[in-house]
């Protein structure tokens, strides 16, 4: 127990007159309530019931216990969640209750003691970031299988950088390594680490390693910084952490894409071993060869089965049914054509007989009209006119009829068409007076 500002004055009595119990307890009450002390102890019992105006708990150490209470409004203002086994530092005064003859320590302030305070703050921050989804596994990205460019954010003088470089050189000498030197502990270390991450991200690596060697919990506190956690979560490049030793776990580890226990483990996680790569290539080559061989065997077997099918060995298997259908159709056609012709011939004879019967009745009304029309047509025929002694004069080409003497000249050759042929003539002269020509 740590006691501060312990001040009191001696009790004034005559040394002989005794005090009653009430007087003695009131004297204790007045004396204790004037003493304000700070006490460090472990919470061994806790009673925090909903609806109660105060929280009751017991502080203890190896040799003693002390009953405490804190009013609900004071407890909520302290922003500390008490748990059994927690080491806390409280400040307040003792209160005596004469009627019950008991005593309590009335707490006015409470906080987590020593490293416990740091762990509590880290735990509260972790819960806050977890609620925001920064630790959700679904947002974490996988590490590239064969990174070409690797950025390391760490102290350039620490043991971690040497462990990482030695591991990368041994396992994966093909990768290009970029080192962003920053302070990894002390005041301002978190801000420097954030800046280092931004510089590393601007270099466009395939993966970023955030590492440091072991240390005390206080030494690792920069990696529990809220701003650093948000910087890691917002990074466009996968971030792999290797901070401290195996049991250490920081908020940076929680929000990183991949958390490794040590810097060496982080280097091994992102850098495949050359021997492993060669073994994988050989294994893949063997699997590919086996797969191709198996595929060829299956294909050959399948081709052999196809070749053995009857359809490729006997043409009749493919065309036999079609030949049979063709023969059947030919037989049916051979039988159908004579029958069809006989039926058509019989039908044609029947139609001829009907035509003969209706011929006289159908054509009789038209025969007289046809005779008269034929007579009139004969009268109008040019040949009938020629038979009556008339003639037709035509040009030499026998295509143009001569209708006027004006179209002729002396010496022109013409043809004269008569009833039984043509007369070839040469014009010696023409006369336009038709009446005189007829009289002569």
Protein backbone atom coordinates (compact mmCIF):
# COMPACT_ATOMS: atom_id res chain seq x y z
CA UNK A 1 0.00 0.00 0.00
CA UNK A 2 1.26 3.47 -0.92
CA UNK A 3 0.18 6.30 1.41
CA UNK A 4 0.41 9.95 0.41
CA UNK A 5 -0.41 13.14 2.38
CA UNK A 6 -0.92 11.32 5.68
CA UNK A 7 -1.72 14.10 8.16
CA UNK A 8 -3.58 13.89 11.50
CA UNK A 9 -3.40 15.27 15.02
CA UNK A 10 -3.25 13.33 18.28
CA UNK A 11 -6.52 12.55 19.99
CA UNK A 12 -7.08 14.80 23.00
CA UNK A 13 -8.27 12.79 26.01
CA UNK A 14 -7.54 13.02 29.67
CA UNK A 15 -5.97 9.58 29.42
CA UNK A 16 -8.36 8.11 31.97
CA UNK A 17 -11.95 8.64 30.79
CA UNK A 18 -12.99 5.86 28.37
CA UNK A 19 -14.93 6.49 25.08
CA UNK A 20 -18.15 4.84 24.11
CA UNK A 21 -18.22 2.64 20.99
CA UNK A 22 -20.13 5.33 19.11
CA UNK A 23 -17.63 7.98 20.12
CA UNK A 24 -14.73 5.77 19.12
CA UNK A 25 -16.22 4.94 15.69
CA UNK A 26 -17.13 8.57 15.01
CA UNK A 27 -13.56 9.54 15.91
CA UNK A 28 -12.26 6.96 13.43
CA UNK A 29 -14.70 8.16 10.76
CA UNK A 30 -13.66 11.80 11.11
CA UNK A 31 -10.00 10.88 11.09
CA UNK A 32 -10.08 8.54 8.07
CA UNK A 33 -12.31 10.70 5.87
CA UNK A 34 -9.70 13.42 5.99
CA UNK A 35 -7.00 11.17 4.53
CA UNK A 36 -6.63 10.91 0.70
CA UNK A 37 -4.40 8.04 -0.42
CA UNK A 38 -3.35 6.25 -3.63
CA UNK A 39 -3.40 2.45 -3.47
CA UNK A 40 -2.07 -0.17 -5.91
CA UNK A 41 -3.55 -3.65 -5.79
CA UNK A 42 -5.05 -6.55 -7.74
CA UNK A 43 -8.80 -6.83 -8.22
CA UNK A 44 -9.66 -10.12 -6.49
CA UNK A 45 -13.45 -9.74 -6.24
CA UNK A 46 -15.85 -7.70 -8.38
CA UNK A 47 -19.59 -6.96 -8.16
CA UNK A 48 -20.89 -4.83 -11.03
CA UNK A 49 -24.65 -5.38 -11.13
CA UNK A 50 -26.95 -3.58 -13.48
CA UNK A 51 -29.10 -0.98 -11.70
CA UNK A 52 -26.76 -0.55 -8.70
CA UNK A 53 -25.55 2.98 -8.02
CA UNK A 54 -22.04 1.78 -7.17
CA UNK A 55 -19.53 -0.86 -8.23
CA UNK A 56 -18.06 -2.95 -5.39
CA UNK A 57 -14.70 -4.70 -5.61
CA UNK A 58 -11.86 -5.93 -3.45
CA UNK A 59 -8.19 -5.01 -3.81
CA UNK A 60 -5.62 -7.41 -2.45
CA UNK A 61 -1.92 -8.13 -2.33
CA UNK A 62 0.05 -11.00 -0.85
CA UNK A 63 -0.87 -10.15 2.76
CA UNK A 64 -4.11 -8.12 2.91
CA UNK A 65 -7.42 -7.25 1.32
CA UNK A 66 -9.33 -3.98 1.12
CA UNK A 67 -13.02 -3.47 0.31
CA UNK A 68 -13.67 -0.68 -2.21
CA UNK A 69 -16.57 0.99 -3.87
CA UNK A 70 -16.87 3.52 -6.69
CA UNK A 71 -20.04 5.38 -7.59
CA UNK A 72 -21.46 4.50 -11.00
CA UNK A 73 -21.05 7.96 -12.53
CA UNK A 74 -17.43 8.17 -11.34
CA UNK A 75 -16.71 4.64 -12.67
CA UNK A 76 -18.08 5.43 -16.13
CA UNK A 77 -16.11 8.69 -16.27
CA UNK A 78 -12.84 6.83 -15.59
CA UNK A 79 -13.27 4.80 -18.84
CA UNK A 80 -11.75 1.66 -17.25
CA UNK A 81 -13.45 -1.74 -17.35
CA UNK A 82 -12.54 -3.62 -14.17
CA UNK A 83 -11.82 -7.33 -14.41
CA UNK A 84 -10.77 -9.88 -11.84
CA UNK A 85 -6.97 -10.21 -11.76
CA UNK A 86 -6.36 -6.69 -13.09
CA UNK A 87 -3.67 -4.60 -11.43
CA UNK A 88 -5.09 -1.13 -10.81
CA UNK A 89 -4.12 2.12 -9.14
CA UNK A 90 -6.94 3.86 -7.23
CA UNK A 91 -7.15 7.14 -5.35
CA UNK A 92 -9.73 8.02 -2.69
CA UNK A 93 -10.53 8.09 1.03
CA UNK A 94 -11.55 5.57 3.70
CA UNK A 95 -15.09 5.68 5.01
CA UNK A 96 -16.18 4.14 8.29
CA UNK A 97 -19.76 3.02 9.04
CA UNK A 98 -20.25 3.21 12.89
CA UNK A 99 -23.60 1.40 12.82
CA UNK A 100 -22.08 -1.70 11.20
CA UNK A 101 -18.59 -1.29 12.51
CA UNK A 102 -17.23 -1.68 8.94
CA UNK A 103 -14.97 0.31 6.67
CA UNK A 104 -14.74 0.83 2.89
CA UNK A 105 -12.36 2.63 0.58
CA UNK A 106 -14.33 5.16 -1.50
CA UNK A 107 -12.63 5.47 -4.91
CA UNK A 108 -12.61 8.77 -6.80
CA UNK A 109 -10.06 7.90 -9.51
CA UNK A 110 -9.04 4.61 -11.08
CA UNK A 111 -6.61 3.56 -13.79
CA UNK A 112 -4.73 0.48 -14.85
CA UNK A 113 -1.32 0.28 -13.21
CA UNK A 114 2.00 0.07 -15.07
CA UNK A 115 2.07 -2.11 -18.21
CA UNK A 116 -1.52 -3.08 -17.60
CA UNK A 117 -2.57 0.45 -18.53
CA UNK A 118 -0.79 0.16 -21.87
CA UNK A 119 -2.31 -3.24 -22.55
CA UNK A 120 -5.77 -1.96 -21.74
CA UNK A 121 -5.43 0.97 -24.12
CA UNK A 122 -4.16 -1.34 -26.82
CA UNK A 123 -7.05 -3.75 -26.22
CA UNK A 124 -9.60 -0.93 -26.45
CA UNK A 125 -8.03 0.33 -29.69
CA UNK A 126 -8.02 -3.19 -31.08
CA UNK A 127 -11.74 -3.54 -30.37
CA UNK A 128 -12.42 -0.22 -32.04
CA UNK A 129 -10.51 -1.13 -35.20
CA UNK A 130 -12.07 -4.58 -35.26
CA UNK A 131 -15.56 -3.06 -35.24
CA UNK A 132 -14.54 -0.90 -38.21
CA UNK A 133 -13.56 -4.04 -40.15
CA UNK A 134 -9.82 -3.36 -40.37
CA UNK A 135 -9.06 -6.85 -39.06
CA UNK A 136 -11.64 -8.65 -41.20
CA UNK A 137 -9.96 -11.63 -42.94
CA UNK A 138 -11.96 -10.95 -46.11
CA UNK A 139 -10.09 -7.69 -46.75
CA UNK A 140 -6.63 -9.24 -46.41
CA UNK A 141 -4.78 -9.98 -49.64
CA UNK A 142 -2.56 -12.96 -50.48
CA UNK A 143 1.20 -12.60 -50.92
CA UNK A 144 2.47 -12.81 -54.52
CA UNK A 145 3.95 -16.25 -55.10
CA UNK A 146 7.11 -14.91 -56.79
CA UNK A 147 7.60 -11.25 -55.81
CA UNK A 148 10.04 -9.39 -58.04
CA UNK A 149 10.47 -6.33 -55.80
CA UNK A 150 10.42 -6.51 -51.97
CA UNK A 151 10.37 -3.44 -49.71
CA UNK A 152 11.52 -3.70 -46.06
CA UNK A 153 10.47 -1.02 -43.56
CA UNK A 154 12.60 -1.30 -40.40
CA UNK A 155 15.56 0.14 -38.57
CA UNK A 156 18.68 0.08 -40.80
CA UNK A 157 20.85 -0.69 -37.78
CA UNK A 158 18.79 -3.35 -36.05
CA UNK A 159 19.24 -7.09 -36.06
CA UNK A 160 15.98 -7.55 -37.94
CA UNK A 161 17.27 -6.13 -41.24
CA UNK A 162 20.29 -8.44 -41.18
CA UNK A 163 18.10 -11.47 -40.47
CA UNK A 164 15.78 -10.56 -43.35
CA UNK A 165 18.57 -9.93 -45.86
CA UNK A 166 20.38 -13.10 -44.90
CA UNK A 167 17.20 -15.16 -45.30
CA UNK A 168 16.27 -13.54 -48.63
CA UNK A 169 19.79 -13.99 -49.98
CA UNK A 170 19.76 -17.66 -49.04
CA UNK A 171 16.23 -18.53 -50.16
CA UNK A 172 15.38 -16.14 -52.98
CA UNK A 173 18.33 -14.24 -54.49
CA UNK A 174 16.27 -13.31 -57.58
CA UNK A 175 14.18 -10.64 -55.80
CA UNK A 176 15.08 -6.94 -55.72
CA UNK A 177 15.15 -5.61 -52.14
CA UNK A 178 14.36 -1.98 -51.19
CA UNK A 179 15.15 -0.82 -47.63
CA UNK A 180 13.24 2.04 -46.00
CA UNK A 181 15.14 2.88 -42.82
CA UNK A 182 13.01 4.25 -39.96
CA UNK A 183 13.09 4.47 -36.18
CA UNK A 184 11.15 1.59 -34.67
CA UNK A 185 10.97 2.72 -31.04
CA UNK A 186 10.87 5.90 -29.04
CA UNK A 187 8.97 9.15 -29.40
CA UNK A 188 7.88 9.82 -32.98
CA UNK A 189 8.64 6.26 -34.14
CA UNK A 190 5.03 5.58 -35.21
CA UNK A 191 5.01 8.67 -37.45
CA UNK A 192 8.33 7.64 -39.03
CA UNK A 193 7.04 4.13 -39.70
CA UNK A 194 3.95 5.60 -41.40
CA UNK A 195 6.18 7.75 -43.58
CA UNK A 196 8.36 4.74 -44.40
CA UNK A 197 5.30 2.77 -45.50
CA UNK A 198 4.23 5.59 -47.81
CA UNK A 199 7.71 5.80 -49.35
CA UNK A 200 7.78 2.03 -49.81
CA UNK A 201 4.32 2.06 -51.39
CA UNK A 202 5.36 4.77 -53.87
CA UNK A 203 8.20 2.50 -55.05
CA UNK A 204 5.52 0.04 -56.30
CA UNK A 205 6.92 -3.17 -54.79
CA UNK A 206 5.09 -6.50 -54.93
CA UNK A 207 5.09 -6.84 -51.12
CA UNK A 208 6.12 -4.76 -48.07
CA UNK A 209 7.75 -6.24 -44.96
CA UNK A 210 7.30 -4.32 -41.68
CA UNK A 211 9.70 -5.87 -39.16
CA UNK A 212 11.66 -5.25 -35.99
CA UNK A 213 13.46 -7.34 -33.39
CA UNK A 214 12.25 -8.19 -29.91
CA UNK A 215 11.88 -5.82 -26.98
CA UNK A 216 9.72 -4.95 -24.02
CA UNK A 217 6.04 -4.21 -24.34
CA UNK A 218 6.79 -0.49 -24.08
CA UNK A 219 9.40 -0.78 -26.85
CA UNK A 220 6.79 -2.29 -29.17
CA UNK A 221 4.18 0.41 -28.49
CA UNK A 222 4.82 2.32 -31.78
CA UNK A 223 3.37 -0.72 -33.56
CA UNK A 224 0.16 -0.30 -31.53
CA UNK A 225 -0.40 3.21 -32.90
CA UNK A 226 -3.82 3.86 -34.41
CA UNK A 227 -2.50 5.97 -37.28
CA UNK A 228 -0.01 3.25 -38.22
CA UNK A 229 -2.78 0.64 -38.17
CA UNK A 230 -4.88 2.73 -40.56
CA UNK A 231 -1.86 3.33 -42.79
CA UNK A 232 -1.26 -0.43 -43.07
CA UNK A 233 -4.93 -1.13 -43.80
CA UNK A 234 -5.04 1.55 -46.51
CA UNK A 235 -1.81 0.40 -48.19
CA UNK A 236 -2.32 -0.72 -51.81
CA UNK A 237 0.48 -3.31 -51.47
CA UNK A 238 0.22 -6.46 -49.32
CA UNK A 239 1.94 -5.91 -45.95
CA UNK A 240 3.67 -8.71 -44.03
CA UNK A 241 4.67 -8.07 -40.41
CA UNK A 242 7.32 -9.75 -38.29
CA UNK A 243 7.44 -7.78 -35.04
CA UNK A 244 9.21 -8.93 -31.88
CA UNK A 245 9.33 -12.53 -30.76
CA UNK A 246 6.90 -15.43 -31.03
CA UNK A 247 4.42 -14.39 -28.27
CA UNK A 248 4.36 -10.68 -29.17
CA UNK A 249 1.24 -9.52 -30.98
CA UNK A 250 0.65 -5.88 -31.91
CA UNK A 251 -2.19 -4.05 -33.61
CA UNK A 252 0.02 -3.75 -36.70
CA UNK A 253 0.07 -7.57 -36.80
CA UNK A 254 -3.71 -7.69 -36.52
CA UNK A 255 -4.41 -5.39 -39.49
CA UNK A 256 -1.56 -6.63 -41.71
CA UNK A 257 -2.35 -8.95 -44.61
CA UNK A 258 -0.03 -11.63 -43.17
CA UNK A 259 1.33 -11.81 -39.61
CA UNK A 260 4.56 -13.72 -38.92
CA UNK A 261 6.10 -14.38 -35.52
CA UNK A 262 9.60 -13.00 -36.27
CA UNK A 263 11.43 -11.02 -38.99
CA UNK A 264 13.07 -14.22 -40.20
CA UNK A 265 9.69 -15.94 -40.45
CA UNK A 266 8.37 -12.95 -42.43
CA UNK A 267 11.25 -13.25 -44.92
CA UNK A 268 10.62 -16.98 -45.26
CA UNK A 269 6.90 -16.38 -45.80
CA UNK A 270 7.38 -14.10 -48.82
CA UNK A 271 10.48 -15.74 -50.32
CA UNK A 272 10.12 -19.27 -51.64
CA UNK A 273 13.28 -21.34 -51.34
CA UNK A 274 15.28 -21.88 -54.54
CA UNK A 275 15.42 -25.58 -53.74
CA UNK A 276 11.65 -25.60 -53.25
CA UNK A 277 11.13 -23.83 -56.59
CA UNK A 278 13.42 -26.30 -58.39
CA UNK A 279 11.62 -29.20 -56.72
CA UNK A 280 8.25 -27.75 -57.72
CA UNK A 281 9.40 -27.28 -61.32
CA UNK A 282 10.66 -30.86 -61.45
CA UNK A 283 7.47 -32.18 -59.89
CA UNK A 284 5.33 -30.11 -62.24
CA UNK A 285 7.41 -31.40 -65.18
CA UNK A 286 6.92 -34.98 -64.10
CA UNK A 287 3.18 -34.43 -63.59
CA UNK A 288 2.92 -32.77 -67.00
CA UNK A 289 4.84 -35.63 -68.67
CA UNK A 290 2.65 -38.19 -66.92
CA UNK A 291 -0.48 -36.28 -67.87
CA UNK A 292 0.59 -36.07 -71.53
CA UNK A 293 1.54 -39.74 -71.59
CA UNK A 294 -1.78 -40.72 -70.03
CA UNK A 295 -3.63 -38.48 -72.46
CA UNK A 296 -1.85 -40.04 -75.44
CA UNK A 297 -2.55 -43.57 -74.16
CA UNK A 298 -6.23 -42.72 -73.68
CA UNK A 299 -6.43 -41.11 -77.11
CA UNK A 300 -4.69 -44.07 -78.75
CA UNK A 301 -7.02 -46.52 -77.03
CA UNK A 302 -10.02 -44.48 -78.04
CA UNK A 303 -8.81 -44.29 -81.66
CA UNK A 304 -8.29 -48.06 -81.73
CA UNK A 305 -11.82 -48.59 -80.46
CA UNK A 306 -13.15 -46.26 -83.13
CA UNK A 307 -11.17 -48.06 -85.85
CA UNK A 308 -12.62 -51.39 -84.73
CA UNK A 309 -16.17 -50.23 -85.18
CA UNK A 310 -17.99 -52.12 -88.01
CA UNK A 311 -18.97 -48.87 -89.67
CA UNK A 312 -15.34 -48.23 -90.65
CA UNK A 313 -14.67 -51.82 -91.77
CA UNK A 314 -17.83 -52.77 -93.75
CA UNK A 315 -19.46 -50.28 -96.12
CA UNK A 316 -22.73 -52.18 -96.00
CA UNK A 317 -23.08 -51.29 -92.30
CA UNK A 318 -23.31 -47.63 -93.27
CA UNK A 319 -25.23 -47.96 -96.59
CA UNK A 320 -27.04 -51.29 -96.22
CA UNK A 321 -30.25 -49.81 -94.85
CA UNK A 322 -30.23 -47.11 -97.52
CA UNK A 323 -29.69 -49.70 -100.27
CA UNK A 324 -32.56 -51.74 -98.88
CA UNK A 325 -34.81 -48.68 -98.77
CA UNK A 326 -33.81 -47.83 -102.36
CA UNK A 327 -34.60 -51.36 -103.57
CA UNK A 328 -37.95 -51.30 -101.83
CA UNK A 329 -38.78 -47.92 -103.38
CA UNK A 330 -37.72 -49.22 -106.83
CA UNK A 331 -39.97 -52.27 -106.48
CA UNK A 332 -42.88 -50.15 -105.45
CA UNK A 333 -42.25 -47.73 -108.32
CA UNK A 334 -42.02 -50.64 -110.82
CA UNK A 335 -45.41 -51.86 -109.70
CA UNK A 336 -46.97 -48.43 -109.40
CA UNK A 337 -46.13 -47.00 -112.86
CA UNK A 338 -47.97 -49.66 -115.02
CA UNK A 339 -50.96 -49.54 -112.73
CA UNK A 340 -51.00 -45.77 -112.89
CA UNK A 341 -50.64 -45.79 -116.72
CA UNK A 342 -53.43 -48.34 -117.07
CA UNK A 343 -55.70 -46.29 -114.88
CA UNK A 344 -54.84 -43.11 -116.78
CA UNK A 345 -55.43 -44.85 -120.14
CA UNK A 346 -58.80 -46.12 -119.01
CA UNK A 347 -59.71 -42.67 -117.76
CA UNK A 348 -58.53 -41.10 -121.03
CA UNK A 349 -60.72 -43.50 -123.09
CA UNK A 350 -63.70 -42.66 -120.95
CA UNK A 351 -63.09 -38.94 -121.39
CA UNK A 352 -62.71 -39.46 -125.20
CA UNK A 353 -66.05 -41.17 -125.36
CA UNK A 354 -67.66 -38.36 -123.42
CA UNK A 355 -66.04 -35.79 -125.71
CA UNK A 356 -67.34 -37.62 -128.78
CA UNK A 357 -70.82 -37.63 -127.35
CA UNK A 358 -70.92 -33.96 -126.53
CA UNK A 359 -69.05 -32.84 -129.67
CA UNK A 360 -72.13 -32.40 -131.86
CA UNK A 361 -74.09 -30.57 -129.24
CA UNK A 362 -71.23 -28.33 -128.16
CA UNK A 363 -69.92 -27.25 -131.60
CA UNK A 364 -73.19 -27.20 -133.63
CA UNK A 365 -74.19 -23.60 -132.66
CA UNK A 366 -70.75 -22.35 -133.61
CA UNK A 367 -70.29 -24.13 -136.98
CA UNK A 368 -72.61 -21.72 -138.96
CA UNK A 369 -71.07 -18.62 -137.40
CA UNK A 370 -67.66 -20.04 -138.10
CA UNK A 371 -68.61 -20.65 -141.79
CA UNK A 372 -69.84 -17.09 -142.22
CA UNK A 373 -66.73 -15.68 -140.56
CA UNK A 374 -64.56 -17.84 -142.81
CA UNK A 375 -66.38 -16.56 -145.91
CA UNK A 376 -65.92 -12.94 -144.87
CA UNK A 377 -62.29 -13.59 -144.08
CA UNK A 378 -61.81 -15.16 -147.51
CA UNK A 379 -63.35 -12.13 -149.18
CA UNK A 380 -60.95 -9.85 -147.33
CA UNK A 381 -57.89 -11.97 -148.07
CA UNK A 382 -55.30 -10.26 -150.37
CA UNK A 383 -54.87 -13.57 -152.20
CA UNK A 384 -58.57 -13.56 -153.17
CA UNK A 385 -58.15 -10.05 -154.57
CA UNK A 386 -55.12 -11.16 -156.62
CA UNK A 387 -57.11 -14.08 -158.04
CA UNK A 388 -59.63 -11.62 -159.39
CA UNK A 389 -56.92 -10.05 -161.60
CA UNK A 390 -55.52 -7.38 -159.38
CA UNK A 391 -51.77 -7.00 -158.67
CA UNK A 392 -49.66 -5.41 -155.93
CA UNK A 393 -46.56 -3.35 -156.75
CA UNK A 394 -43.73 -3.58 -154.21
CA UNK A 395 -40.30 -2.17 -153.89
CA UNK A 396 -37.40 -4.38 -154.83
CA UNK A 397 -37.06 -5.58 -151.19
CA UNK A 398 -40.64 -6.95 -151.35
CA UNK A 399 -41.38 -5.35 -148.02
CA UNK A 400 -42.69 -1.92 -148.95
CA UNK A 401 -45.93 -1.58 -150.99
CA UNK A 402 -45.86 1.16 -153.63
CA UNK A 403 -48.84 3.44 -152.97
CA UNK A 404 -47.91 6.51 -155.09
CA UNK A 405 -46.10 7.11 -158.34
CA UNK A 406 -44.20 9.85 -156.60
CA UNK A 407 -42.11 7.27 -154.84
CA UNK A 408 -40.78 5.93 -158.13
CA UNK A 409 -38.34 7.17 -160.71
CA UNK A 410 -37.51 5.98 -164.17
CA UNK A 411 -35.11 3.07 -164.00
CA UNK A 412 -36.24 1.78 -160.57
CA UNK A 413 -36.65 -1.95 -160.25
CA UNK A 414 -39.94 -3.11 -158.77
CA UNK A 415 -41.71 -6.37 -158.17
CA UNK A 416 -45.32 -6.86 -159.12
CA UNK A 417 -47.13 -9.50 -157.10
CA UNK A 418 -49.90 -11.43 -158.98
CA UNK A 419 -51.99 -14.47 -158.02
CA UNK A 420 -49.45 -17.07 -159.04
CA UNK A 421 -46.10 -15.27 -158.48
CA UNK A 422 -44.01 -12.10 -158.90
CA UNK A 423 -43.06 -10.05 -161.97
CA UNK A 424 -39.69 -8.20 -161.95
CA UNK A 425 -40.10 -4.85 -163.79
CA UNK A 426 -38.07 -1.73 -164.53
CA UNK A 427 -39.90 1.61 -164.41
CA UNK A 428 -39.66 3.47 -167.74
CA UNK A 429 -42.03 6.20 -166.70
CA UNK A 430 -44.98 7.17 -164.48
CA UNK A 431 -48.36 8.84 -164.96
CA UNK A 432 -50.25 10.48 -162.16
CA UNK A 433 -53.70 10.77 -163.86
CA UNK A 434 -55.47 7.61 -162.64
CA UNK A 435 -58.74 8.16 -164.66
CA UNK A 436 -56.99 8.45 -168.00
CA UNK A 437 -54.84 5.50 -167.23
CA UNK A 438 -57.94 3.36 -166.63
CA UNK A 439 -59.62 4.53 -169.88
CA UNK A 440 -56.59 3.58 -171.96
